[in-house]
């Protein structure tokens, strides 16, 4: 799977479901099993899914940069000019919204 969002979501939901089913089979009340499973899946994902979270963070950052630019219109214009000179012309970034 190339989509980090989907992969991370499937891993988290899978862990949650496995812990919930396992705890319910051990005789724990279902509401308590759901709460404990949520805590366990959260803790394990914090420990073992950091690479996926980093990849998702990079995707968010890159999308924001493409959508809003750097926040400095002059810098964006200079970067677009340099890219054009280097032959790597891309679509110029959108201008930031004024408040």
Protein backbone atom coordinates (compact mmCIF):
# COMPACT_ATOMS: atom_id res chain seq x y z
CA UNK A 1 0.00 0.00 0.00
CA UNK A 2 1.39 3.36 -0.98
CA UNK A 3 -1.12 5.52 0.86
CA UNK A 4 0.22 6.05 4.37
CA UNK A 5 -3.15 7.32 5.64
CA UNK A 6 -4.92 4.14 4.64
CA UNK A 7 -2.17 1.88 5.95
CA UNK A 8 -2.07 3.66 9.32
CA UNK A 9 -5.86 3.57 9.66
CA UNK A 10 -6.02 -0.14 8.85
CA UNK A 11 -3.28 -0.95 11.36
CA UNK A 12 -4.95 1.09 14.12
CA UNK A 13 -8.40 -0.33 13.51
CA UNK A 14 -7.01 -3.86 13.25
CA UNK A 15 -5.20 -3.57 16.57
CA UNK A 16 -8.30 -2.10 18.19
CA UNK A 17 -10.52 -4.89 16.87
CA UNK A 18 -8.09 -7.64 17.90
CA UNK A 19 -7.70 -6.25 21.42
CA UNK A 20 -11.45 -5.76 21.80
CA UNK A 21 -12.24 -9.30 20.66
CA UNK A 22 -9.44 -10.78 22.76
CA UNK A 23 -10.47 -8.97 25.92
CA UNK A 24 -14.15 -9.82 25.38
CA UNK A 25 -13.24 -13.49 24.96
CA UNK A 26 -11.37 -13.34 28.26
CA UNK A 27 -14.67 -12.43 29.91
CA UNK A 28 -14.22 -8.69 30.31
CA UNK A 29 -17.43 -6.61 30.01
CA UNK A 30 -17.69 -5.25 26.45
CA UNK A 31 -17.65 -1.55 27.43
CA UNK A 32 -14.55 -2.03 29.53
CA UNK A 33 -12.96 -4.16 26.79
CA UNK A 34 -13.54 -1.35 24.26
CA UNK A 35 -11.97 1.25 26.57
CA UNK A 36 -8.93 -0.89 27.37
CA UNK A 37 -8.52 -1.87 23.70
CA UNK A 38 -8.56 1.81 22.74
CA UNK A 39 -5.84 2.62 25.25
CA UNK A 40 -3.71 -0.36 24.23
CA UNK A 41 -3.99 0.28 20.49
CA UNK A 42 -3.14 3.95 21.05
CA UNK A 43 -0.06 3.13 23.13
CA UNK A 44 1.21 0.48 20.72
CA UNK A 45 0.66 2.75 17.72
CA UNK A 46 2.66 5.50 19.43
CA UNK A 47 5.54 3.09 19.91
CA UNK A 48 5.56 1.15 16.65
CA UNK A 49 3.88 3.24 13.96
CA UNK A 50 6.10 6.33 14.13
CA UNK A 51 7.40 5.90 10.56
CA UNK A 52 3.87 5.99 9.18
CA UNK A 53 3.03 9.06 11.26
CA UNK A 54 6.17 10.80 9.96
CA UNK A 55 5.21 9.97 6.39
CA UNK A 56 1.69 11.33 6.94
CA UNK A 57 3.17 14.48 8.45
CA UNK A 58 5.38 14.98 5.38
CA UNK A 59 2.37 14.52 3.09
CA UNK A 60 0.42 17.16 5.02
CA UNK A 61 3.37 19.57 4.90
CA UNK A 62 3.91 19.09 1.16
CA UNK A 63 0.23 19.54 0.39
CA UNK A 64 0.11 22.71 2.44
CA UNK A 65 3.19 24.07 0.68
CA UNK A 66 1.62 23.36 -2.72
CA UNK A 67 -1.70 24.91 -1.71
CA UNK A 68 -0.63 28.00 0.20
CA UNK A 69 3.02 28.46 -0.70
CA UNK A 70 5.52 29.52 1.93
CA UNK A 71 3.47 32.46 3.16
CA UNK A 72 5.92 34.94 1.64
CA UNK A 73 4.71 35.97 -1.84
CA UNK A 74 8.05 37.52 -2.81
CA UNK A 75 9.93 34.36 -1.87
CA UNK A 76 7.42 32.25 -3.81
CA UNK A 77 7.86 34.48 -6.86
CA UNK A 78 11.67 34.25 -6.61
CA UNK A 79 11.49 30.47 -6.28
CA UNK A 80 9.17 30.23 -9.30
CA UNK A 81 11.58 32.36 -11.36
CA UNK A 82 14.56 30.22 -10.33
CA UNK A 83 12.65 27.05 -11.16
CA UNK A 84 11.79 28.48 -14.58
CA UNK A 85 15.43 29.31 -15.21
CA UNK A 86 16.49 25.80 -14.22
CA UNK A 87 13.87 24.27 -16.49
CA UNK A 88 11.87 22.88 -13.60
CA UNK A 89 8.96 25.25 -14.01
CA UNK A 90 5.98 24.16 -12.00
CA UNK A 91 2.60 25.67 -11.42
CA UNK A 92 3.11 28.75 -9.30
CA UNK A 93 1.79 28.39 -5.74
CA UNK A 94 -1.49 29.99 -4.81
CA UNK A 95 -1.35 33.34 -3.12
CA UNK A 96 -2.03 33.22 0.62
CA UNK A 97 -5.48 34.34 1.65
CA UNK A 98 -5.63 37.78 3.19
CA UNK A 99 -7.24 38.11 6.61
